[in-house]
Structure formats: C-alpha cells, structure tokens
Amino acid sequence: MKKIEAIIKPFKLDDVREALSDIGITGMTVCEVKGFGRQKGHTELYRGAEYMVDFLPKVKLDIVLADEDVDRAIEVILKTAQTGKIGDGKIFVTEVERVIRIRTGEEDEEAI
C-alpha cells in the first residue's frame, strides 16, 4: 500500500476529487494548509499599506491506495490539478505499513 500526499491549489479540489472518483478512488482526507516553495508568496495592499503574504493557501489530499492504483491516481491528479503556472503543487508518495479500520477491525487493503 502507498500513501499519496498531494498539495494543490484550492480551486482545483473539486475537479481532482471528481476525476479520482471517476476512476474509482473515493476515500481521501482533505486539509486546508498554507505554505510556499518557489512561488515565495506575494505582496498585497491593505488600507494603503503594502505587506508580504509569505504563506499561500493550498489544499492537501491524503489518499491511501493499493499499489496497483497509485500510478493511475497520480496521472489523474497531475492532469487535473495542473495549470502550468508556478504554485501548482507537489505529490509525495510513501509506503504504508499497516491500515486498520476502527469500526470493523479490518486490516490493510480490506480497510482502505
């Protein structure tokens, strides 16, 4: 099993969720996060004063999948979340050793 963590632009969330659902991936956790990378924030004007916004709003998706579903999920996220502009986000893939569904006690792929 693998865990995909995808950091994407907030306005792309619904498109990504729908595209993943279309290929049969329905379970995910979504968090609103803030951060920066090469984008390095931006300046804004508020009541006549300019100030630096260092951390930009993003959305983080956590998805745990069977190994055979990972490549398809990554393709869908890349295709759907990409705008071609700086700040589109990142995808991280890590190994998951164990999953347990609390309600039933099912483990690993049966618990996904």
N, C-alpha and C. Protein backbone atom coordinates (compact mmCIF):
# COMPACT_ATOMS: atom_id res chain seq x y z
N MET A 1 0.83 -1.18 0.00
CA MET A 1 0.00 0.00 0.00
C MET A 1 0.88 1.25 0.00
N LYS A 2 0.34 2.31 -0.56
CA LYS A 2 1.04 3.57 -0.64
C LYS A 2 0.13 4.70 -0.16
N LYS A 3 0.75 5.78 0.29
CA LYS A 3 0.03 6.99 0.65
C LYS A 3 0.47 8.10 -0.29
N ILE A 4 -0.51 8.72 -0.94
CA ILE A 4 -0.25 9.87 -1.79
C ILE A 4 -0.64 11.11 -0.99
N GLU A 5 0.30 12.04 -0.88
CA GLU A 5 0.01 13.35 -0.32
C GLU A 5 0.15 14.33 -1.48
N ALA A 6 -0.93 14.99 -1.82
CA ALA A 6 -0.90 15.94 -2.93
C ALA A 6 -1.24 17.32 -2.39
N ILE A 7 -0.36 18.28 -2.66
CA ILE A 7 -0.60 19.68 -2.30
C ILE A 7 -1.02 20.38 -3.59
N ILE A 8 -2.24 20.91 -3.61
CA ILE A 8 -2.77 21.51 -4.84
C ILE A 8 -3.38 22.88 -4.53
N LYS A 9 -3.69 23.62 -5.59
CA LYS A 9 -4.39 24.89 -5.44
C LYS A 9 -5.83 24.62 -5.01
N PRO A 10 -6.35 25.44 -4.08
CA PRO A 10 -7.70 25.17 -3.55
C PRO A 10 -8.80 25.10 -4.60
N PHE A 11 -8.74 25.92 -5.64
CA PHE A 11 -9.81 25.92 -6.64
C PHE A 11 -9.81 24.67 -7.51
N LYS A 12 -8.77 23.83 -7.40
CA LYS A 12 -8.70 22.59 -8.17
C LYS A 12 -9.26 21.39 -7.41
N LEU A 13 -9.61 21.57 -6.13
CA LEU A 13 -10.04 20.44 -5.29
C LEU A 13 -11.22 19.68 -5.87
N ASP A 14 -12.29 20.37 -6.23
CA ASP A 14 -13.48 19.67 -6.73
C ASP A 14 -13.19 18.91 -8.02
N ASP A 15 -12.40 19.50 -8.90
CA ASP A 15 -12.05 18.83 -10.16
C ASP A 15 -11.25 17.55 -9.89
N VAL A 16 -10.28 17.64 -8.97
CA VAL A 16 -9.45 16.48 -8.65
C VAL A 16 -10.29 15.40 -7.98
N ARG A 17 -11.13 15.79 -7.04
CA ARG A 17 -11.98 14.81 -6.35
C ARG A 17 -12.89 14.08 -7.33
N GLU A 18 -13.52 14.82 -8.23
CA GLU A 18 -14.40 14.21 -9.23
C GLU A 18 -13.63 13.29 -10.17
N ALA A 19 -12.45 13.71 -10.61
CA ALA A 19 -11.64 12.89 -11.52
C ALA A 19 -11.19 11.60 -10.83
N LEU A 20 -10.81 11.69 -9.56
CA LEU A 20 -10.43 10.48 -8.83
C LEU A 20 -11.64 9.57 -8.63
N SER A 21 -12.78 10.14 -8.35
CA SER A 21 -14.00 9.35 -8.18
C SER A 21 -14.35 8.62 -9.47
N ASP A 22 -14.12 9.26 -10.60
CA ASP A 22 -14.40 8.64 -11.90
C ASP A 22 -13.58 7.38 -12.14
N ILE A 23 -12.39 7.29 -11.52
CA ILE A 23 -11.58 6.07 -11.69
C ILE A 23 -11.71 5.13 -10.48
N GLY A 24 -12.69 5.41 -9.61
CA GLY A 24 -12.99 4.51 -8.51
C GLY A 24 -12.28 4.80 -7.20
N ILE A 25 -11.64 5.95 -7.10
CA ILE A 25 -10.95 6.31 -5.86
C ILE A 25 -11.83 7.33 -5.14
N THR A 26 -12.40 6.90 -4.01
CA THR A 26 -13.38 7.76 -3.34
C THR A 26 -12.94 8.19 -1.95
N GLY A 27 -12.04 7.48 -1.31
CA GLY A 27 -11.64 7.82 0.05
C GLY A 27 -10.43 8.72 0.08
N MET A 28 -10.54 9.84 0.80
CA MET A 28 -9.41 10.74 0.96
C MET A 28 -9.67 11.64 2.15
N THR A 29 -8.60 12.20 2.66
CA THR A 29 -8.68 13.21 3.70
C THR A 29 -8.19 14.52 3.08
N VAL A 30 -8.89 15.60 3.37
CA VAL A 30 -8.55 16.90 2.80
C VAL A 30 -8.32 17.89 3.94
N CYS A 31 -7.21 18.62 3.86
CA CYS A 31 -6.89 19.66 4.85
C CYS A 31 -6.56 20.95 4.13
N GLU A 32 -6.99 22.05 4.71
CA GLU A 32 -6.55 23.35 4.22
C GLU A 32 -5.20 23.63 4.86
N VAL A 33 -4.21 23.95 4.05
CA VAL A 33 -2.86 24.21 4.55
C VAL A 33 -2.34 25.51 3.95
N LYS A 34 -1.23 25.98 4.49
CA LYS A 34 -0.56 27.15 3.93
C LYS A 34 0.90 26.82 3.77
N GLY A 35 1.52 27.39 2.76
CA GLY A 35 2.93 27.14 2.55
C GLY A 35 3.46 27.93 1.37
N PHE A 36 4.72 27.69 1.07
CA PHE A 36 5.32 28.32 -0.09
C PHE A 36 6.50 27.48 -0.54
N GLY A 37 6.84 27.64 -1.79
CA GLY A 37 8.00 26.99 -2.38
C GLY A 37 8.67 28.02 -3.26
N ARG A 38 8.82 27.70 -4.50
CA ARG A 38 9.42 28.65 -5.44
C ARG A 38 8.54 29.87 -5.65
N GLN A 39 7.26 29.72 -5.37
CA GLN A 39 6.31 30.81 -5.56
C GLN A 39 6.63 31.98 -4.61
N LYS A 40 7.13 31.68 -3.43
CA LYS A 40 7.63 32.65 -2.45
C LYS A 40 6.64 33.73 -2.04
N GLY A 41 5.36 33.46 -2.07
CA GLY A 41 4.39 34.43 -1.60
C GLY A 41 4.20 35.59 -2.56
N HIS A 42 3.54 36.63 -2.06
CA HIS A 42 3.29 37.81 -2.87
C HIS A 42 3.00 38.99 -1.95
N THR A 43 2.96 40.18 -2.50
CA THR A 43 2.63 41.37 -1.70
C THR A 43 1.19 41.76 -1.97
N GLU A 44 0.54 42.30 -0.93
CA GLU A 44 -0.83 42.77 -1.06
C GLU A 44 -0.93 44.16 -0.47
N LEU A 45 -1.95 44.88 -0.88
CA LEU A 45 -2.19 46.23 -0.39
C LEU A 45 -3.40 46.18 0.53
N TYR A 46 -3.25 46.66 1.77
CA TYR A 46 -4.35 46.67 2.73
C TYR A 46 -4.38 48.03 3.41
N ARG A 47 -5.47 48.75 3.24
CA ARG A 47 -5.63 50.10 3.81
C ARG A 47 -4.44 51.00 3.52
N GLY A 48 -4.00 50.96 2.29
CA GLY A 48 -2.92 51.82 1.84
C GLY A 48 -1.53 51.35 2.18
N ALA A 49 -1.41 50.25 2.94
CA ALA A 49 -0.08 49.73 3.31
C ALA A 49 0.17 48.44 2.57
N GLU A 50 1.39 48.28 2.08
CA GLU A 50 1.77 47.07 1.38
C GLU A 50 2.39 46.09 2.39
N TYR A 51 1.99 44.83 2.32
CA TYR A 51 2.58 43.84 3.20
C TYR A 51 2.80 42.53 2.45
N MET A 52 3.71 41.74 2.96
CA MET A 52 4.11 40.48 2.32
C MET A 52 3.27 39.33 2.85
N VAL A 53 2.69 38.54 1.94
CA VAL A 53 1.98 37.32 2.30
C VAL A 53 2.93 36.17 1.97
N ASP A 54 3.56 35.62 3.02
CA ASP A 54 4.57 34.58 2.82
C ASP A 54 3.94 33.21 2.54
N PHE A 55 2.90 32.89 3.28
CA PHE A 55 2.30 31.57 3.17
C PHE A 55 1.02 31.66 2.35
N LEU A 56 0.98 30.86 1.29
CA LEU A 56 -0.16 30.87 0.38
C LEU A 56 -1.11 29.72 0.69
N PRO A 57 -2.41 29.93 0.54
CA PRO A 57 -3.37 28.86 0.83
C PRO A 57 -3.27 27.74 -0.20
N LYS A 58 -3.25 26.52 0.30
CA LYS A 58 -3.24 25.31 -0.53
C LYS A 58 -4.19 24.30 0.09
N VAL A 59 -4.39 23.19 -0.60
CA VAL A 59 -5.17 22.07 -0.07
C VAL A 59 -4.30 20.84 -0.13
N LYS A 60 -4.32 20.05 0.94
CA LYS A 60 -3.54 18.81 0.98
C LYS A 60 -4.50 17.63 0.97
N LEU A 61 -4.31 16.74 0.01
CA LEU A 61 -5.08 15.50 -0.07
C LEU A 61 -4.22 14.35 0.44
N ASP A 62 -4.76 13.53 1.31
CA ASP A 62 -4.10 12.29 1.75
C ASP A 62 -4.94 11.14 1.24
N ILE A 63 -4.33 10.27 0.45
CA ILE A 63 -5.04 9.14 -0.14
C ILE A 63 -4.20 7.89 0.07
N VAL A 64 -4.77 6.85 0.68
CA VAL A 64 -4.08 5.57 0.84
C VAL A 64 -4.68 4.59 -0.15
N LEU A 65 -3.80 3.96 -0.94
CA LEU A 65 -4.23 3.11 -2.05
C LEU A 65 -3.47 1.80 -2.10
N ALA A 66 -4.06 0.83 -2.77
CA ALA A 66 -3.32 -0.39 -3.13
C ALA A 66 -2.25 0.00 -4.15
N ASP A 67 -1.14 -0.71 -4.14
CA ASP A 67 -0.01 -0.40 -5.02
C ASP A 67 -0.42 -0.27 -6.49
N GLU A 68 -1.34 -1.12 -6.93
CA GLU A 68 -1.70 -1.11 -8.35
C GLU A 68 -2.52 0.11 -8.77
N ASP A 69 -3.07 0.87 -7.81
CA ASP A 69 -3.87 2.04 -8.13
C ASP A 69 -3.09 3.35 -8.12
N VAL A 70 -1.86 3.30 -7.64
CA VAL A 70 -1.09 4.53 -7.41
C VAL A 70 -0.79 5.29 -8.70
N ASP A 71 -0.30 4.62 -9.71
CA ASP A 71 0.09 5.30 -10.95
C ASP A 71 -1.11 5.99 -11.62
N ARG A 72 -2.27 5.31 -11.63
CA ARG A 72 -3.47 5.92 -12.21
C ARG A 72 -3.88 7.16 -11.43
N ALA A 73 -3.82 7.08 -10.11
CA ALA A 73 -4.20 8.22 -9.27
C ALA A 73 -3.26 9.40 -9.51
N ILE A 74 -1.97 9.13 -9.61
CA ILE A 74 -1.00 10.20 -9.85
C ILE A 74 -1.27 10.85 -11.21
N GLU A 75 -1.52 10.05 -12.23
CA GLU A 75 -1.83 10.59 -13.56
C GLU A 75 -3.03 11.52 -13.53
N VAL A 76 -4.08 11.10 -12.81
CA VAL A 76 -5.30 11.89 -12.73
C VAL A 76 -5.05 13.20 -11.98
N ILE A 77 -4.32 13.14 -10.87
CA ILE A 77 -4.02 14.35 -10.11
C ILE A 77 -3.19 15.31 -10.95
N LEU A 78 -2.15 14.79 -11.62
CA LEU A 78 -1.31 15.64 -12.46
C LEU A 78 -2.13 16.33 -13.55
N LYS A 79 -2.94 15.55 -14.24
CA LYS A 79 -3.71 16.08 -15.36
C LYS A 79 -4.74 17.10 -14.89
N THR A 80 -5.37 16.84 -13.76
CA THR A 80 -6.48 17.67 -13.30
C THR A 80 -6.02 18.92 -12.54
N ALA A 81 -4.96 18.80 -11.75
CA ALA A 81 -4.53 19.91 -10.89
C ALA A 81 -3.59 20.88 -11.60
N GLN A 82 -3.04 20.48 -12.72
CA GLN A 82 -2.03 21.29 -13.39
C GLN A 82 -2.64 22.49 -14.10
N THR A 83 -2.07 23.67 -13.81
CA THR A 83 -2.46 24.89 -14.53
C THR A 83 -1.33 25.37 -15.42
N GLY A 84 -0.12 24.86 -15.18
CA GLY A 84 1.04 25.30 -15.94
C GLY A 84 1.72 26.51 -15.34
N LYS A 85 1.20 26.97 -14.21
CA LYS A 85 1.77 28.15 -13.56
C LYS A 85 2.47 27.74 -12.28
N ILE A 86 3.40 28.58 -11.83
CA ILE A 86 4.12 28.30 -10.60
C ILE A 86 3.12 28.17 -9.45
N GLY A 87 3.38 27.25 -8.54
CA GLY A 87 2.49 27.04 -7.40
C GLY A 87 1.44 25.97 -7.60
N ASP A 88 1.56 25.17 -8.67
CA ASP A 88 0.59 24.10 -8.90
C ASP A 88 0.62 23.04 -7.80
N GLY A 89 1.76 22.87 -7.13
CA GLY A 89 1.81 21.95 -6.00
C GLY A 89 2.80 20.83 -6.19
N LYS A 90 2.68 19.83 -5.32
CA LYS A 90 3.58 18.68 -5.31
C LYS A 90 2.79 17.43 -4.99
N ILE A 91 3.36 16.29 -5.36
CA ILE A 91 2.80 14.98 -4.99
C ILE A 91 3.91 14.19 -4.32
N PHE A 92 3.61 13.65 -3.15
CA PHE A 92 4.55 12.80 -2.42
C PHE A 92 3.94 11.41 -2.29
N VAL A 93 4.75 10.38 -2.51
CA VAL A 93 4.28 9.00 -2.38
C VAL A 93 5.16 8.29 -1.36
N THR A 94 4.51 7.71 -0.35
CA THR A 94 5.24 6.99 0.69
C THR A 94 4.63 5.61 0.91
N GLU A 95 5.41 4.75 1.48
CA GLU A 95 4.97 3.38 1.80
C GLU A 95 4.10 3.41 3.06
N VAL A 96 3.03 2.60 3.06
CA VAL A 96 2.18 2.44 4.24
C VAL A 96 2.32 1.00 4.72
N GLU A 97 2.71 0.86 5.96
CA GLU A 97 2.94 -0.48 6.51
C GLU A 97 1.66 -1.18 6.93
N ARG A 98 0.73 -0.42 7.50
CA ARG A 98 -0.45 -1.07 8.06
C ARG A 98 -1.61 -0.08 8.12
N VAL A 99 -2.82 -0.59 7.83
CA VAL A 99 -4.05 0.19 7.94
C VAL A 99 -5.05 -0.65 8.71
N ILE A 100 -5.76 -0.01 9.63
CA ILE A 100 -6.78 -0.72 10.41
C ILE A 100 -8.05 0.13 10.42
N ARG A 101 -9.17 -0.46 10.02
CA ARG A 101 -10.46 0.23 10.10
C ARG A 101 -10.96 0.07 11.52
N ILE A 102 -11.17 1.17 12.20
CA ILE A 102 -11.53 1.13 13.61
C ILE A 102 -12.87 0.45 13.84
N ARG A 103 -13.86 0.73 13.01
CA ARG A 103 -15.21 0.18 13.20
C ARG A 103 -15.24 -1.33 13.16
N THR A 104 -14.54 -1.95 12.21
CA THR A 104 -14.65 -3.39 12.00
C THR A 104 -13.41 -4.18 12.38
N GLY A 105 -12.29 -3.50 12.52
CA GLY A 105 -11.04 -4.20 12.79
C GLY A 105 -10.37 -4.75 11.54
N GLU A 106 -10.97 -4.52 10.36
CA GLU A 106 -10.36 -4.97 9.11
C GLU A 106 -8.99 -4.32 8.97
N GLU A 107 -8.09 -5.05 8.29
CA GLU A 107 -6.74 -4.55 8.16
C GLU A 107 -6.30 -4.48 6.71
N ASP A 108 -5.31 -3.61 6.49
CA ASP A 108 -4.62 -3.42 5.23
C ASP A 108 -5.58 -3.13 4.08
N GLU A 109 -5.47 -3.81 2.96
CA GLU A 109 -6.24 -3.43 1.77
C GLU A 109 -7.76 -3.56 1.99
N GLU A 110 -8.19 -4.45 2.88
CA GLU A 110 -9.61 -4.55 3.18
C GLU A 110 -10.11 -3.33 3.93
N ALA A 111 -9.20 -2.63 4.59
CA ALA A 111 -9.58 -1.46 5.39
C ALA A 111 -9.54 -0.16 4.60
N ILE A 112 -9.02 -0.20 3.38
CA ILE A 112 -8.91 1.03 2.59
C ILE A 112 -10.28 1.42 2.08
